[in-house]
Amino acid sequence: MDPRPNGQHWAKNVDIAGYCALDNKPAFKLQVQEVNGRWYLYVAHLWHYGWSIVDVTDVANVRPVRFIEGPANTWCIQIQVADGKMITGLERIGEQGWGGDPSKPNAEGIYIWDVSDPENPKKQGHFATGGQGTHRNYYDGGRYVHLTAAAEGYSGRIYRIVDIADPTHPTEVGRWWVKGQWTAGGENAAGDVSLHGGPYIAGDRAYLSYRSAGLVVLDVSDYKKPQFISQLSFSPPFMRLFGIHTAMPFPNRKIVTANSEAIREDCDEALCFAGIVDVSNEKEPRLVSLLPTPAPPPGFPHKNFCEFGGRFGPHNQHQPQNQKSLYQNDNLLFMTWFNAGLRIFDISDHLLPREVGYFVPPIPEERRGLLPKKLVPQSEDVVVDARGYIYISDKNHGVYIVKASDEVMKGTA
């Protein structure tokens, strides 16, 4: 096992199974692929330009495979792996303390890689979006990639669909945007309306998390002409800038788990939310329940997580995306909550979700990134492999690998 930080952690129904130090390069987004009985973790880094591959077949003794250099002065924080391909996002670095240099050039768009040899990716193509590049994208195999992307002549990011049947010459086949974003077409600027993504595709439906514009449901039976179905706003009463960060459908249950993103540290913002949307009538989606707010565990040194420092609030969900390498369960929701770590919710009753497990990592021993201002845990992404191992990234830690109890995974906790 990679040496992990010492110090107290807090957990309920969750045990540590392994740790990836990542050569002191903290991770952001994570993906898993199983090939011929071996399991690989693909890592998009937060403070370093590039991506890592780690063999996690034995989670107690992980094997770093390689670090792939990415383009300079560019966020390489987004990654998707499916069907023997890897899609890596390229984005201009945010200007609020994230370490980018606005006076220097950056790459943008996506790189398309062949990862059929899981330890030796081969770059096949580049789709350039223009502008700021791409943020959270979606790829579940086949010939189409669904992008949260900038586009020339538009304000904010929009939804763009790209055909990678020939990965050396990717081509856009369709796009959709909220009215007001197409400034070059004479529409009025839409302010903070921007697709945060990633788009989540379920059959012929796309579910878009469109920040202050809320949840948008599209008919994508024809990728060339996405059609609007419905929209649900969450702001007010909840925070506006990232009014919705993630929207993940459970088609068999006709629900969508949705959440905003905590942005400011020390809870200095309007209330975030994480909840469940009923889409049984997809033309009139409705918020029907909220996930319980994480409370400090026994022995925690603060009366609430706001006092702990850093961001407190929902961020990323485990997204199975129909991948055989990823854990599939319509009754469990795995979500990172920044300084409250990983939270696991039983959503078998979508009207009464309940927390059944959590893992809050130790306070980092050293600063590896510029944020948060106070050195505390900041759990970023979560992905669960088909074996049930849960991978959690952090701004200043390596990747923790944890395992929930059998009772949690079986729904009896």
Protein backbone atom coordinates (compact mmCIF):
# COMPACT_ATOMS: atom_id res chain seq x y z
CA MET A 1 0.00 0.00 0.00
CA ASP A 2 1.19 3.53 -0.72
CA PRO A 3 1.93 5.25 2.58
CA ARG A 4 -1.11 7.25 3.52
CA PRO A 5 -1.30 10.25 5.85
CA ASN A 6 -1.40 9.61 9.55
CA GLY A 7 -3.98 11.27 11.72
CA GLN A 8 -7.58 10.74 12.68
CA HIS A 9 -10.25 10.03 10.15
CA TRP A 10 -13.98 9.70 10.75
CA ALA A 11 -16.11 6.92 9.30
CA LYS A 12 -19.38 5.07 9.63
CA ASN A 13 -19.90 1.72 7.90
CA VAL A 14 -16.82 2.44 5.75
CA ASP A 15 -13.26 1.06 6.06
CA ILE A 16 -10.02 2.11 4.36
CA ALA A 17 -8.87 -0.50 1.82
CA GLY A 18 -5.98 1.29 0.08
CA TYR A 19 -4.35 4.58 -0.86
CA CYS A 20 -2.74 6.01 -4.02
CA ALA A 21 -0.17 8.70 -3.21
CA LEU A 22 0.13 9.68 -6.90
CA ASP A 23 3.63 11.07 -6.37
CA ASN A 24 2.11 13.97 -4.42
CA LYS A 25 -0.02 15.02 -7.41
CA PRO A 26 -3.59 15.38 -6.10
CA ALA A 27 -6.34 14.01 -8.32
CA PHE A 28 -9.57 15.53 -9.50
CA LYS A 29 -11.78 13.39 -11.75
CA LEU A 30 -11.42 9.60 -11.71
CA GLN A 31 -12.34 6.70 -13.99
CA VAL A 32 -11.89 2.90 -13.76
CA GLN A 33 -11.40 0.29 -16.45
CA GLU A 34 -11.04 -3.50 -16.10
CA VAL A 35 -9.09 -5.31 -18.83
CA ASN A 36 -8.35 -9.05 -18.77
CA GLY A 37 -8.85 -9.31 -15.03
CA ARG A 38 -6.71 -6.30 -14.16
CA TRP A 39 -8.18 -3.07 -12.80
CA TYR A 40 -6.89 0.38 -13.70
CA LEU A 41 -7.59 3.78 -12.17
CA TYR A 42 -7.29 6.71 -14.59
CA VAL A 43 -6.61 10.01 -12.87
CA ALA A 44 -7.05 13.59 -14.05
CA HIS A 45 -4.88 15.85 -11.90
CA LEU A 46 -5.89 19.14 -10.32
CA TRP A 47 -2.64 21.02 -9.74
CA HIS A 48 -0.50 19.29 -12.39
CA TYR A 49 -0.88 19.23 -16.16
CA GLY A 50 -1.55 15.64 -17.13
CA TRP A 51 -3.02 12.26 -16.28
CA SER A 52 -1.94 9.17 -14.32
CA ILE A 53 -2.64 5.46 -14.62
CA VAL A 54 -2.56 3.23 -11.53
CA ASP A 55 -2.99 -0.54 -11.42
CA VAL A 56 -5.50 -1.10 -8.58
CA THR A 57 -6.03 -4.83 -9.07
CA ASP A 58 -4.77 -5.26 -5.51
CA VAL A 59 -6.06 -2.13 -3.78
CA ALA A 60 -3.84 -2.75 -0.75
CA ASN A 61 -0.75 -2.70 -2.98
CA VAL A 62 -1.45 -0.32 -5.84
CA ARG A 63 1.05 -0.05 -8.68
CA PRO A 64 1.64 3.34 -10.32
CA VAL A 65 1.97 2.74 -14.07
CA ARG A 66 2.74 6.12 -15.61
CA PHE A 67 2.14 9.87 -15.63
CA ILE A 68 1.26 11.39 -19.01
CA GLU A 69 2.26 15.00 -19.50
CA GLY A 70 -0.54 17.31 -20.61
CA PRO A 71 -0.38 20.72 -22.29
CA ALA A 72 1.03 23.59 -20.25
CA ASN A 73 -1.13 26.17 -18.49
CA THR A 74 -4.21 24.00 -19.09
CA TRP A 75 -6.68 22.33 -16.78
CA CYS A 76 -6.56 18.60 -17.55
CA ILE A 77 -9.00 17.83 -14.76
CA GLN A 78 -11.75 15.96 -16.64
CA ILE A 79 -11.56 12.37 -17.86
CA GLN A 80 -13.89 9.71 -19.29
CA VAL A 81 -13.01 6.07 -20.09
CA ALA A 82 -15.23 3.61 -21.96
CA ASP A 83 -15.11 1.12 -24.82
CA GLY A 84 -11.30 1.17 -25.03
CA LYS A 85 -11.17 4.96 -25.38
CA MET A 86 -10.21 7.78 -23.05
CA ILE A 87 -11.55 11.31 -23.45
CA THR A 88 -9.58 13.99 -21.63
CA GLY A 89 -10.82 17.55 -21.24
CA LEU A 90 -8.71 20.62 -21.97
CA GLU A 91 -9.76 23.89 -20.39
CA ARG A 92 -8.53 27.37 -19.57
CA ILE A 93 -7.68 27.46 -15.87
CA GLY A 94 -10.04 29.43 -13.64
CA GLU A 95 -8.78 32.83 -12.60
CA GLN A 96 -9.66 32.71 -8.89
CA GLY A 97 -6.54 31.31 -7.28
CA TRP A 98 -6.20 28.10 -9.29
CA GLY A 99 -2.66 28.71 -10.55
CA GLY A 100 -3.15 29.51 -14.23
CA ASP A 101 -1.39 32.33 -16.06
CA PRO A 102 -3.91 34.32 -18.16
CA SER A 103 -1.06 35.94 -20.11
CA LYS A 104 0.06 32.58 -21.52
CA PRO A 105 -1.69 30.32 -24.06
CA ASN A 106 -3.60 27.19 -23.10
CA ALA A 107 -5.02 24.18 -24.93
CA GLU A 108 -8.78 23.64 -25.26
CA GLY A 109 -11.25 20.97 -26.34
CA ILE A 110 -10.68 17.23 -25.87
CA TYR A 111 -8.00 14.67 -26.64
CA ILE A 112 -9.16 11.24 -27.82
CA TRP A 113 -7.00 8.29 -26.76
CA ASP A 114 -6.89 4.57 -27.51
CA VAL A 115 -6.61 2.71 -24.18
CA SER A 116 -7.24 -0.81 -25.46
CA ASP A 117 -3.73 -1.36 -24.12
CA PRO A 118 -4.66 -0.01 -20.68
CA GLU A 119 -1.11 0.87 -19.62
CA ASN A 120 -0.04 2.57 -22.85
CA PRO A 121 -2.56 5.14 -24.12
CA LYS A 122 -2.11 6.37 -27.69
CA LYS A 123 -3.42 9.80 -28.57
CA GLN A 124 -5.57 9.56 -31.70
CA GLY A 125 -7.15 12.95 -32.15
CA HIS A 126 -8.01 16.41 -30.88
CA PHE A 127 -11.33 18.20 -31.12
CA ALA A 128 -10.83 21.95 -30.61
CA THR A 129 -13.85 23.79 -29.23
CA GLY A 130 -12.47 27.33 -29.16
CA GLY A 131 -12.91 29.63 -26.20
CA GLN A 132 -12.47 28.24 -22.71
CA GLY A 133 -12.53 24.59 -23.84
CA THR A 134 -14.53 21.81 -22.14
CA HIS A 135 -15.45 21.13 -18.56
CA ARG A 136 -17.39 18.00 -17.54
CA ASN A 137 -18.00 15.66 -20.49
CA TYR A 138 -19.80 12.33 -21.00
CA TYR A 139 -18.72 9.24 -22.92
CA ASP A 140 -20.18 5.77 -22.42
CA GLY A 141 -18.76 4.11 -25.54
CA GLY A 142 -19.52 4.10 -29.24
CA ARG A 143 -19.08 6.97 -31.65
CA TYR A 144 -20.46 9.99 -29.80
CA VAL A 145 -18.99 12.19 -27.08
CA HIS A 146 -21.23 14.65 -25.25
CA LEU A 147 -19.42 17.83 -24.30
CA THR A 148 -19.89 20.69 -21.88
CA ALA A 149 -18.04 23.12 -24.09
CA ALA A 150 -17.37 26.70 -25.03
CA ALA A 151 -18.18 27.76 -28.59
CA GLU A 152 -17.29 30.85 -30.57
CA GLY A 153 -20.12 33.36 -30.51
CA TYR A 154 -21.76 32.00 -27.35
CA SER A 155 -21.69 33.12 -23.74
CA GLY A 156 -20.91 30.44 -21.18
CA ARG A 157 -20.71 26.75 -22.10
CA ILE A 158 -23.24 24.90 -24.23
CA TYR A 159 -24.04 21.26 -25.10
CA ARG A 160 -22.09 19.95 -28.12
CA ILE A 161 -22.24 16.42 -29.59
CA VAL A 162 -19.13 15.12 -31.37
CA ASP A 163 -18.77 12.09 -33.63
CA ILE A 164 -15.48 10.22 -33.01
CA ALA A 165 -16.09 7.29 -35.37
CA ASP A 166 -12.87 8.49 -36.98
CA PRO A 167 -10.98 9.64 -33.88
CA THR A 168 -8.33 11.31 -36.01
CA HIS A 169 -10.98 13.62 -37.50
CA PRO A 170 -13.70 14.20 -34.89
CA THR A 171 -16.65 16.28 -36.11
CA GLU A 172 -19.49 18.08 -34.38
CA VAL A 173 -22.94 16.78 -35.32
CA GLY A 174 -25.23 18.75 -33.04
CA ARG A 175 -25.52 21.38 -30.32
CA TRP A 176 -28.06 22.93 -27.98
CA TRP A 177 -28.07 26.03 -25.79
CA VAL A 178 -30.34 28.04 -23.55
CA LYS A 179 -31.90 30.98 -25.37
CA GLY A 180 -29.78 34.06 -24.75
CA GLN A 181 -26.40 32.35 -25.02
CA TRP A 182 -25.99 32.78 -28.79
CA THR A 183 -24.70 36.33 -28.69
CA ALA A 184 -23.35 36.20 -32.25
CA GLY A 185 -26.87 35.43 -33.41
CA GLY A 186 -28.28 38.52 -31.75
CA GLU A 187 -29.49 36.88 -28.56
CA ASN A 188 -29.07 38.74 -25.28
CA ALA A 189 -26.19 37.65 -23.07
CA ALA A 190 -27.41 35.15 -20.50
CA GLY A 191 -25.20 36.19 -17.59
CA ASP A 192 -24.24 33.19 -15.47
CA VAL A 193 -26.31 30.74 -17.53
CA SER A 194 -23.84 28.04 -18.54
CA LEU A 195 -23.86 24.28 -18.88
CA HIS A 196 -21.79 22.77 -16.09
CA GLY A 197 -22.41 19.17 -17.05
CA GLY A 198 -21.58 16.70 -17.73
CA PRO A 199 -24.53 15.86 -19.93
CA TYR A 200 -25.92 12.49 -18.83
CA ILE A 201 -27.39 10.35 -21.60
CA ALA A 202 -30.07 7.75 -20.90
CA GLY A 203 -31.48 6.23 -24.07
CA ASP A 204 -32.80 9.07 -26.21
CA ARG A 205 -32.82 11.58 -23.35
CA ALA A 206 -30.10 13.99 -22.24
CA TYR A 207 -30.13 15.47 -18.74
CA LEU A 208 -28.24 18.76 -18.51
CA SER A 209 -27.15 20.50 -15.30
CA TYR A 210 -27.31 24.10 -16.49
CA ARG A 211 -26.16 26.06 -13.44
CA SER A 212 -28.56 28.95 -12.76
CA ALA A 213 -30.87 27.77 -15.57
CA GLY A 214 -31.50 24.56 -13.66
CA LEU A 215 -32.14 21.03 -14.89
CA VAL A 216 -32.87 20.71 -18.62
CA VAL A 217 -34.27 17.55 -20.23
CA LEU A 218 -33.76 17.07 -23.99
CA ASP A 219 -34.94 14.57 -26.57
CA VAL A 220 -31.77 13.44 -28.37
CA SER A 221 -33.27 10.74 -30.57
CA ASP A 222 -31.74 12.80 -33.39
CA TYR A 223 -28.32 14.04 -32.32
CA LYS A 224 -28.37 16.58 -35.12
CA LYS A 225 -31.43 18.29 -33.67
CA PRO A 226 -31.78 17.99 -29.88
CA GLN A 227 -35.28 19.00 -28.81
CA PHE A 228 -36.30 20.72 -25.57
CA ILE A 229 -38.65 18.80 -23.26
CA SER A 230 -38.59 20.58 -19.91
CA GLN A 231 -36.68 22.68 -17.44
CA LEU A 232 -36.66 22.93 -13.63
CA SER A 233 -35.08 25.85 -11.77
CA PHE A 234 -33.64 25.56 -8.26
CA SER A 235 -32.65 29.20 -7.77
CA PRO A 236 -34.23 30.72 -5.77
CA PRO A 237 -34.31 29.55 -3.05
CA PHE A 238 -30.99 27.71 -3.43
CA MET A 239 -27.68 29.24 -4.48
CA ARG A 240 -27.70 30.61 -8.02
CA LEU A 241 -24.18 30.49 -9.51
CA PHE A 242 -24.02 26.70 -9.38
CA GLY A 243 -27.74 26.21 -8.94
CA ILE A 244 -27.23 22.72 -10.36
CA HIS A 245 -23.88 20.99 -10.78
CA THR A 246 -24.86 17.36 -11.44
CA ALA A 247 -28.00 15.64 -12.73
CA MET A 248 -27.96 11.85 -12.90
CA PRO A 249 -31.03 9.92 -14.06
CA PHE A 250 -32.21 6.54 -12.82
CA PRO A 251 -34.39 5.66 -15.84
CA ASN A 252 -35.90 2.51 -14.31
CA ARG A 253 -37.16 4.56 -11.37
CA LYS A 254 -38.00 7.77 -13.25
CA ILE A 255 -35.99 9.91 -10.86
CA VAL A 256 -32.95 12.16 -11.17
CA THR A 257 -30.49 12.78 -8.35
CA ALA A 258 -29.40 16.40 -8.56
CA ASN A 259 -27.16 18.75 -6.61
CA SER A 260 -25.60 22.18 -6.66
CA GLU A 261 -21.93 22.80 -5.82
CA ALA A 262 -20.58 24.58 -2.76
CA ILE A 263 -18.30 27.36 -4.06
CA ARG A 264 -17.32 29.73 -1.27
CA GLU A 265 -15.40 28.60 1.77
CA ASP A 266 -16.77 28.73 5.33
CA CYS A 267 -20.37 28.48 4.02
CA ASP A 268 -20.31 32.13 2.94
CA GLU A 269 -23.09 31.72 0.37
CA ALA A 270 -26.74 30.86 -0.06
CA LEU A 271 -27.80 27.33 0.80
CA CYS A 272 -26.73 24.52 -1.53
CA PHE A 273 -28.98 21.54 -2.16
CA ALA A 274 -28.81 17.86 -2.98
CA GLY A 275 -32.06 16.11 -3.69
CA ILE A 276 -34.22 13.90 -5.86
CA VAL A 277 -36.33 15.02 -8.81
CA ASP A 278 -39.37 13.06 -9.95
CA VAL A 279 -39.44 12.86 -13.78
CA SER A 280 -42.31 10.41 -14.13
CA ASN A 281 -43.96 13.27 -16.02
CA GLU A 282 -40.89 14.46 -17.87
CA LYS A 283 -42.63 17.60 -19.09
CA GLU A 284 -43.11 18.69 -15.48
CA PRO A 285 -40.13 17.56 -13.37
CA ARG A 286 -40.46 18.32 -9.66
CA LEU A 287 -38.14 18.28 -6.67
CA VAL A 288 -39.63 15.81 -4.19
CA SER A 289 -37.01 15.34 -1.47
CA LEU A 290 -33.71 16.62 -0.12
CA LEU A 291 -30.77 14.56 1.08
CA PRO A 292 -30.03 14.99 4.80
CA THR A 293 -27.32 17.54 5.57
CA PRO A 294 -24.19 15.82 6.92
CA ALA A 295 -23.71 16.30 10.66
CA PRO A 296 -20.37 16.16 12.49
CA PRO A 297 -19.51 12.64 13.70
CA PRO A 298 -18.92 11.78 17.36
CA GLY A 299 -15.65 13.26 18.58
CA PHE A 300 -15.42 15.80 15.76
CA PRO A 301 -13.62 18.98 16.90
CA HIS A 302 -16.28 21.39 15.55
CA LYS A 303 -20.00 21.71 16.15
CA ASN A 304 -20.66 21.90 12.41
CA PHE A 305 -18.72 21.50 9.17
CA CYS A 306 -18.93 25.23 8.35
CA GLU A 307 -16.60 25.89 11.29
CA PHE A 308 -14.17 23.26 9.99
CA GLY A 309 -13.08 25.49 7.10
CA GLY A 310 -12.86 25.08 3.33
CA ARG A 311 -15.93 24.32 1.27
CA PHE A 312 -18.86 22.42 2.80
CA GLY A 313 -21.54 21.15 0.48
CA PRO A 314 -22.29 18.68 -2.31
CA HIS A 315 -20.03 18.19 -5.31
CA ASN A 316 -19.73 15.02 -7.42
CA GLN A 317 -21.78 11.82 -7.62
CA HIS A 318 -20.64 8.34 -8.64
CA GLN A 319 -21.92 7.99 -12.20
CA PRO A 320 -22.08 4.39 -13.52
CA GLN A 321 -22.76 5.37 -17.16
CA ASN A 322 -23.66 1.79 -18.15
CA GLN A 323 -20.05 0.63 -17.70
CA LYS A 324 -19.44 -2.99 -16.70
CA SER A 325 -16.36 -1.89 -14.76
CA LEU A 326 -18.44 0.44 -12.56
CA TYR A 327 -20.82 -0.32 -9.72
CA GLN A 328 -24.51 -0.28 -10.63
CA ASN A 329 -27.19 0.11 -7.96
CA ASP A 330 -30.39 2.12 -8.33
CA ASN A 331 -30.85 2.32 -4.55
CA LEU A 332 -27.51 3.80 -3.44
CA LEU A 333 -26.07 7.25 -4.05
CA PHE A 334 -22.37 8.01 -3.45
CA MET A 335 -21.56 11.73 -3.22
CA THR A 336 -18.59 13.84 -2.17
CA TRP A 337 -19.36 16.71 0.18
CA PHE A 338 -16.03 18.59 0.26
CA ASN A 339 -14.89 18.87 3.92
CA ALA A 340 -17.54 16.34 4.98
CA GLY A 341 -15.87 13.71 2.80
CA LEU A 342 -17.77 10.88 1.16
CA ARG A 343 -21.44 10.46 2.00
CA ILE A 344 -23.49 7.38 1.09
CA PHE A 345 -27.28 7.61 0.86
CA ASP A 346 -29.95 4.92 0.64
CA ILE A 347 -32.47 6.28 -1.87
CA SER A 348 -34.62 3.15 -2.14
CA ASP A 349 -37.46 5.36 -0.87
CA HIS A 350 -36.95 8.43 -3.03
CA LEU A 351 -39.26 10.45 -0.81
CA LEU A 352 -37.22 9.67 2.31
CA PRO A 353 -33.50 9.34 1.46
CA ARG A 354 -31.26 8.53 4.41
CA GLU A 355 -27.54 8.59 5.06
CA VAL A 356 -26.11 5.11 5.73
CA GLY A 357 -22.36 5.68 5.66
CA TYR A 358 -19.59 8.26 5.46
CA PHE A 359 -15.83 8.68 5.34
CA VAL A 360 -14.07 11.92 6.24
CA PRO A 361 -10.32 11.70 5.50
CA PRO A 362 -7.65 12.94 7.90
CA ILE A 363 -6.61 16.57 7.81
CA PRO A 364 -3.84 16.75 5.15
CA GLU A 365 -0.33 16.86 6.57
CA GLU A 366 1.09 19.14 3.88
CA ARG A 367 -0.19 21.58 1.29
CA ARG A 368 0.05 20.27 -2.26
CA GLY A 369 -2.32 22.76 -3.89
CA LEU A 370 -3.28 26.40 -3.59
CA LEU A 371 -6.70 25.73 -2.04
CA PRO A 372 -8.48 25.61 0.34
CA LYS A 373 -7.27 28.58 2.37
CA LYS A 374 -7.39 26.48 5.55
CA LEU A 375 -5.75 23.07 5.14
CA VAL A 376 -8.67 20.68 5.64
CA PRO A 377 -10.01 17.71 3.65
CA GLN A 378 -11.78 18.62 0.40
CA SER A 379 -13.16 15.45 -1.16
CA GLU A 380 -13.70 16.14 -4.87
CA ASP A 381 -14.71 13.15 -6.97
CA VAL A 382 -15.97 9.64 -6.27
CA VAL A 383 -16.13 6.55 -8.46
CA VAL A 384 -17.08 3.01 -7.40
CA ASP A 385 -15.79 0.00 -9.31
CA ALA A 386 -17.83 -3.13 -9.98
CA ARG A 387 -16.06 -4.90 -7.09
CA GLY A 388 -17.43 -2.28 -4.69
CA TYR A 389 -14.22 -0.36 -4.05
CA ILE A 390 -14.81 3.38 -3.67
CA TYR A 391 -12.18 5.86 -4.90
CA ILE A 392 -12.14 9.42 -3.50
CA SER A 393 -9.96 12.32 -4.69
CA ASP A 394 -8.97 15.39 -2.65
CA LYS A 395 -7.29 18.77 -3.23
CA ASN A 396 -4.32 17.90 -1.00
CA HIS A 397 -4.42 14.12 -0.52
CA GLY A 398 -3.80 11.21 -2.82
CA VAL A 399 -6.74 8.94 -3.67
CA TYR A 400 -8.31 7.03 -0.79
CA ILE A 401 -9.78 3.63 -1.61
CA VAL A 402 -12.49 2.59 0.82
CA LYS A 403 -15.08 -0.16 1.15
CA ALA A 404 -18.57 0.17 2.55
CA SER A 405 -19.99 -2.54 4.78
CA ASP A 406 -21.99 -5.41 3.33
CA GLU A 407 -25.05 -4.01 5.09
CA VAL A 408 -24.72 -0.72 3.22
CA MET A 409 -24.16 -2.37 -0.13
CA LYS A 410 -27.06 -4.78 0.39
CA GLY A 411 -29.43 -2.06 1.58
CA THR A 412 -29.88 -3.39 5.10
CA ALA A 413 -27.91 -0.74 7.01
